[in-house]
Amino acid sequence: MVDAGRADPGQETEAVGDQNTVQSTRLGIRNLERVVAMLIPATVKPGEDYTDLKSMYNQAIGQWRTELGHVAAIVGGVDSQEKYGEQQGVRFTPISADRQRDAVAFLNEEAFKTPTFFLDKDILRRIEVDGVVGQIGQVQSRLLRTLMADTARAAQMIEFATLASPGEQVYTLGEMFADVRNGVWSELADGSVKIDAFRRNLQRAYLDIADSVINGKSSNDDAAALLRGELQTVDESIARALPHAADEITRRHLEAAHVRIGRVLEPGKE
C-alpha cells in the first residue's frame, strides 16, 4: 500500500506547496546566503567566545539540507488527494515529468555544485580548524543516496513508466540516473579538468552508492542494471578527461576512480 505521506512531497513536514517547491527552495537558499553573510556581526560580541557563531552556522547548513530534501522528494513522487468510493478520480497521480526533471536539474545546481557561500574563511577559522568539507559532503551524500539508492523510489518510477499511456511524458529511472551522473561528473567535459575537494568527495560518494546498489543484496535489479551502464559511461569519460587533468590531485583522483569502477563492475576480479 502506498504511504501518501512518504510518496507525496506536498504531505511532508514543512511542505512548501505542490507546484512551486523548486522556486520556494531557490528563494530559501538565497535567504540563507544573506544569513551567512550576517552571522559574524549578529553573533560575535566582545569578551565572548564563538559558540553562538558556530551554532548558527551549523543551523544554516541544517536548513540547507532540509530545503534540498523537499526538492529531492519530488523525484518519483506523487500528488495525492484523499478520496472515498463515491468520489470520482484517482487518489495518486505521478508528479509530471517536467517537474521531476526540473527538480534534478535544481539539485545538480544548488546541492551538488560546491556551495561557496558557506566557505567564508572569516567564519570557519573562528569556529573550527577543519570540518566543512566533510559537513557539506554528508549533506550531498545523503541527497545522492536518496536519488540513487532508495528502492521504493526506484520501484515507483519503474511502475509509473510501465503503466504510462501511449504518448504520456514520463521521467524514467534511467533518465534520472543519467541526469545525476551528468551533474556529479560535469568537470569531465571541460577542456581543462580541475576537481575541487568538495566535488572529489561527492564523486567518491557517487561510486560508493553505485557499488551498494549494484552489488547489494537488497537492491532493485533494474536500478542496479541501469547504474552499471552509468558507471561504464563515467569510466569512458574519465579516460577522455585524464589527459586534460589540470593538476596532480585531479589526475590521481580520476585514476583512483577508474580503478574503483573496475572493482565495482567486476568485484571478484583482481
Protein backbone atom coordinates (compact mmCIF):
# COMPACT_ATOMS: atom_id res chain seq x y z
CA MET A 1 0.00 0.00 0.00
CA VAL A 2 1.35 3.46 -0.90
CA ASP A 3 2.21 5.69 2.02
CA ALA A 4 0.97 9.06 0.74
CA GLY A 5 2.99 10.91 3.34
CA ARG A 6 6.17 9.34 2.03
CA ALA A 7 5.38 9.47 -1.70
CA ASP A 8 3.71 12.89 -1.86
CA PRO A 9 6.13 15.80 -1.23
CA GLY A 10 3.13 18.02 -0.51
CA GLN A 11 2.42 15.92 2.61
CA GLU A 12 5.86 16.47 4.14
CA THR A 13 6.50 18.45 7.29
CA GLU A 14 7.35 21.98 6.12
CA ALA A 15 5.72 21.29 2.73
CA VAL A 16 6.21 24.35 0.56
CA GLY A 17 3.45 23.94 -1.98
CA ASP A 18 2.56 21.40 -4.63
CA GLN A 19 3.73 23.31 -7.71
CA ASN A 20 6.47 25.72 -6.59
CA THR A 21 8.79 23.64 -4.43
CA VAL A 22 11.84 24.38 -6.59
CA GLN A 23 11.17 28.11 -6.70
CA SER A 24 10.43 28.25 -2.97
CA THR A 25 13.65 26.40 -2.21
CA ARG A 26 15.62 28.63 -4.55
CA LEU A 27 14.37 31.67 -2.63
CA GLY A 28 15.11 29.93 0.66
CA ILE A 29 18.71 29.31 -0.35
CA ARG A 30 19.14 32.91 -1.46
CA ASN A 31 17.95 33.91 2.02
CA LEU A 32 20.48 31.52 3.56
CA GLU A 33 23.23 33.24 1.58
CA ARG A 34 22.20 36.53 3.14
CA VAL A 35 22.01 34.99 6.61
CA VAL A 36 25.51 33.51 6.39
CA ALA A 37 26.89 36.91 5.35
CA MET A 38 25.38 38.42 8.53
CA LEU A 39 26.46 35.75 11.02
CA ILE A 40 29.58 37.45 12.34
CA PRO A 41 28.02 40.86 13.10
CA ALA A 42 24.92 39.12 14.51
CA THR A 43 26.70 36.71 16.88
CA VAL A 44 30.21 37.94 17.71
CA LYS A 45 30.32 40.01 20.91
CA PRO A 46 33.30 41.49 22.79
CA GLY A 47 34.59 39.22 25.53
CA GLU A 48 32.54 36.19 24.40
CA ASP A 49 33.60 33.06 22.54
CA TYR A 50 32.26 31.88 19.19
CA THR A 51 29.70 29.37 20.47
CA ASP A 52 26.75 31.29 19.02
CA LEU A 53 28.51 31.73 15.69
CA LYS A 54 29.20 28.01 15.42
CA SER A 55 25.64 27.11 16.41
CA MET A 56 24.08 29.46 13.89
CA TYR A 57 26.44 28.36 11.12
CA ASN A 58 25.58 24.70 11.73
CA GLN A 59 21.88 25.56 11.79
CA ALA A 60 22.25 27.26 8.41
CA ILE A 61 23.77 24.10 6.92
CA GLY A 62 20.97 22.07 8.51
CA GLN A 63 18.36 24.33 6.93
CA TRP A 64 20.10 23.99 3.56
CA ARG A 65 19.87 20.21 3.93
CA THR A 66 16.18 20.35 4.87
CA GLU A 67 15.20 22.60 1.98
CA LEU A 68 17.08 20.50 -0.57
CA GLY A 69 15.33 17.41 0.78
CA HIS A 70 11.97 18.92 -0.18
CA VAL A 71 13.16 19.08 -3.79
CA ALA A 72 14.55 15.54 -3.78
CA ALA A 73 11.13 14.28 -2.65
CA ILE A 74 9.64 15.40 -5.98
CA VAL A 75 11.59 12.76 -7.90
CA GLY A 76 9.47 9.62 -8.26
CA GLY A 77 6.75 11.23 -6.14
CA VAL A 78 3.01 11.62 -6.48
CA ASP A 79 0.37 14.26 -5.93
CA SER A 80 -2.29 12.74 -3.68
CA GLN A 81 -5.85 13.58 -2.71
CA GLU A 82 -7.89 11.89 -0.01
CA LYS A 83 -10.88 10.29 -1.75
CA TYR A 84 -13.61 7.78 -0.97
CA GLY A 85 -15.67 5.38 -3.02
CA GLU A 86 -18.34 7.84 -4.19
CA GLN A 87 -15.78 10.41 -5.40
CA GLN A 88 -14.52 10.48 -8.97
CA GLY A 89 -10.89 10.16 -9.97
CA VAL A 90 -7.79 8.52 -8.54
CA ARG A 91 -6.03 9.24 -5.26
CA PHE A 92 -2.46 9.19 -6.58
CA THR A 93 -1.16 10.97 -9.69
CA PRO A 94 2.54 10.76 -10.60
CA ILE A 95 4.27 14.15 -10.49
CA SER A 96 4.79 15.42 -14.03
CA ALA A 97 7.98 14.52 -15.87
CA ASP A 98 8.86 18.21 -16.24
CA ARG A 99 8.62 18.87 -12.50
CA GLN A 100 10.78 15.85 -11.71
CA ARG A 101 13.32 16.80 -14.37
CA ASP A 102 13.48 20.36 -13.05
CA ALA A 103 13.99 19.06 -9.51
CA VAL A 104 17.07 17.05 -10.51
CA ALA A 105 18.44 19.99 -12.51
CA PHE A 106 17.99 22.17 -9.42
CA LEU A 107 19.80 19.66 -7.20
CA ASN A 108 22.68 19.48 -9.66
CA GLU A 109 22.99 23.26 -9.48
CA GLU A 110 22.24 24.01 -5.84
CA ALA A 111 23.21 20.83 -3.98
CA PHE A 112 25.93 19.06 -5.93
CA LYS A 113 27.90 22.11 -7.03
CA THR A 114 30.09 23.38 -4.21
CA PRO A 115 28.02 25.85 -2.10
CA THR A 116 30.62 28.60 -1.96
CA PHE A 117 28.53 30.88 0.26
CA PHE A 118 29.25 28.51 3.18
CA LEU A 119 33.01 28.82 2.67
CA ASP A 120 33.54 32.10 4.47
CA LYS A 121 37.03 31.80 5.97
CA ASP A 122 36.29 34.57 8.46
CA ILE A 123 33.61 32.32 9.93
CA LEU A 124 35.33 28.97 9.50
CA ARG A 125 38.63 29.94 11.07
CA ARG A 126 36.76 31.25 14.10
CA ILE A 127 34.78 28.08 14.77
CA GLU A 128 36.97 25.14 13.68
CA VAL A 129 40.32 24.02 12.35
CA ASP A 130 38.67 21.93 9.66
CA GLY A 131 35.40 20.10 9.04
CA VAL A 132 33.38 22.00 6.45
CA VAL A 133 34.45 19.69 3.61
CA GLY A 134 33.09 16.69 5.47
CA GLN A 135 29.98 18.53 6.67
CA ILE A 136 28.99 19.61 3.15
CA GLY A 137 29.89 16.14 1.89
CA GLN A 138 27.48 14.49 4.32
CA VAL A 139 24.58 16.56 3.04
CA GLN A 140 25.47 15.89 -0.59
CA SER A 141 25.96 12.16 0.01
CA ARG A 142 22.59 11.91 1.75
CA LEU A 143 20.86 13.56 -1.21
CA LEU A 144 22.67 11.33 -3.69
CA ARG A 145 21.63 8.25 -1.76
CA THR A 146 18.03 9.48 -1.76
CA LEU A 147 18.07 9.66 -5.55
CA MET A 148 20.20 6.63 -6.37
CA ALA A 149 19.63 4.02 -3.67
CA ASP A 150 16.02 4.36 -2.50
CA THR A 151 14.45 1.08 -3.61
CA ALA A 152 10.90 2.35 -3.09
CA ARG A 153 11.59 5.40 -5.26
CA ALA A 154 13.10 3.19 -7.98
CA ALA A 155 10.10 0.83 -7.89
CA GLN A 156 7.67 3.76 -8.17
CA MET A 157 9.49 5.26 -11.15
CA ILE A 158 9.61 1.90 -12.91
CA GLU A 159 5.91 1.29 -12.28
CA PHE A 160 4.93 4.78 -13.45
CA ALA A 161 6.82 4.18 -16.71
CA THR A 162 5.34 0.71 -17.12
CA LEU A 163 1.74 1.91 -16.68
CA ALA A 164 2.10 5.10 -18.71
CA SER A 165 -0.40 5.64 -21.51
CA PRO A 166 0.87 5.90 -25.10
CA GLY A 167 2.35 9.35 -25.63
CA GLU A 168 2.37 10.18 -21.90
CA GLN A 169 5.51 12.02 -20.79
CA VAL A 170 7.40 10.03 -18.16
CA TYR A 171 10.61 10.82 -16.28
CA THR A 172 12.22 7.40 -16.25
CA LEU A 173 14.65 5.99 -13.72
CA GLY A 174 17.27 5.74 -16.47
CA GLU A 175 16.87 9.38 -17.43
CA MET A 176 17.16 10.43 -13.80
CA PHE A 177 20.34 8.41 -13.30
CA ALA A 178 21.83 9.96 -16.44
CA ASP A 179 20.95 13.48 -15.28
CA VAL A 180 22.54 12.87 -11.88
CA ARG A 181 25.66 11.42 -13.48
CA ASN A 182 25.99 14.41 -15.79
CA GLY A 183 25.70 16.75 -12.81
CA VAL A 184 28.07 14.93 -10.47
CA TRP A 185 30.77 14.35 -13.11
CA SER A 186 30.30 17.56 -15.11
CA GLU A 187 34.01 18.52 -14.90
CA LEU A 188 34.91 15.60 -17.16
CA ALA A 189 33.58 17.53 -20.17
CA ASP A 190 35.79 20.59 -19.52
CA GLY A 191 38.76 21.40 -21.70
CA SER A 192 40.91 21.69 -18.57
CA VAL A 193 39.71 19.29 -15.88
CA LYS A 194 40.08 20.53 -12.29
CA ILE A 195 38.04 18.96 -9.48
CA ASP A 196 37.98 20.58 -6.04
CA ALA A 197 37.95 18.74 -2.70
CA PHE A 198 34.17 19.03 -2.29
CA ARG A 199 33.49 17.57 -5.71
CA ARG A 200 36.08 14.81 -5.24
CA ASN A 201 34.22 13.77 -2.08
CA LEU A 202 30.91 13.92 -3.96
CA GLN A 203 32.24 11.75 -6.78
CA ARG A 204 33.64 9.20 -4.32
CA ALA A 205 30.24 9.13 -2.61
CA TYR A 206 28.62 8.52 -6.01
CA LEU A 207 30.86 5.47 -6.54
CA ASP A 208 30.16 4.19 -3.02
CA ILE A 209 26.40 4.45 -3.54
CA ALA A 210 26.56 2.88 -7.00
CA ASP A 211 28.54 -0.01 -5.52
CA SER A 212 25.92 -0.52 -2.80
CA VAL A 213 23.14 -0.67 -5.41
CA ILE A 214 24.98 -2.80 -7.97
CA ASN A 215 26.40 -5.32 -5.50
CA GLY A 216 23.91 -5.04 -2.65
CA LYS A 217 21.61 -7.94 -1.84
CA SER A 218 18.50 -5.82 -1.24
CA SER A 219 18.78 -3.52 -4.27
CA ASN A 220 16.32 -3.02 -7.10
CA ASP A 221 17.55 -5.14 -10.03
CA ASP A 222 16.57 -2.59 -12.67
CA ALA A 223 18.33 0.19 -10.75
CA ALA A 224 21.44 -1.96 -10.47
CA ALA A 225 21.45 -2.69 -14.20
CA LEU A 226 20.99 0.97 -15.08
CA LEU A 227 23.75 2.09 -12.71
CA ARG A 228 26.15 -0.42 -14.25
CA GLY A 229 25.62 1.38 -17.53
CA GLU A 230 26.14 4.74 -15.84
CA LEU A 231 29.46 3.63 -14.36
CA GLN A 232 30.62 2.40 -17.75
CA THR A 233 29.80 5.83 -19.18
CA VAL A 234 31.66 7.57 -16.34
CA ASP A 235 34.70 5.35 -16.95
CA GLU A 236 34.72 6.22 -20.64
CA SER A 237 34.52 9.92 -19.76
CA ILE A 238 37.38 9.55 -17.28
CA ALA A 239 39.57 8.00 -19.99
CA ARG A 240 38.92 11.02 -22.22
CA ALA A 241 39.42 13.51 -19.39
CA LEU A 242 42.67 12.17 -17.89
CA PRO A 243 44.98 13.77 -20.49
CA HIS A 244 43.36 17.12 -19.65
CA ALA A 245 43.73 16.96 -15.85
CA ALA A 246 44.81 20.41 -14.67
CA ASP A 247 46.66 19.31 -11.52
CA GLU A 248 48.08 16.24 -9.84
CA ILE A 249 45.31 15.73 -7.30
CA THR A 250 42.67 15.73 -10.06
CA ARG A 251 44.68 13.24 -12.11
CA ARG A 252 45.21 10.92 -9.15
CA HIS A 253 41.56 11.19 -8.19
CA LEU A 254 40.46 10.17 -11.69
CA GLU A 255 42.94 7.30 -11.80
CA ALA A 256 41.60 6.05 -8.46
CA ALA A 257 38.01 6.42 -9.70
CA HIS A 258 38.85 4.31 -12.76
CA VAL A 259 40.26 1.55 -10.54
CA ARG A 260 37.24 1.73 -8.22
CA ILE A 261 34.77 1.47 -11.11
CA GLY A 262 36.53 -1.67 -12.34
CA ARG A 263 36.20 -3.25 -8.90
CA VAL A 264 32.52 -2.31 -8.64
CA LEU A 265 31.70 -3.75 -12.05
CA GLU A 266 33.80 -6.88 -11.55
CA PRO A 267 34.07 -7.34 -7.77
CA GLY A 268 35.67 -10.81 -7.99
CA LYS A 269 38.39 -9.82 -10.43
CA GLU A 270 41.84 -8.84 -9.17
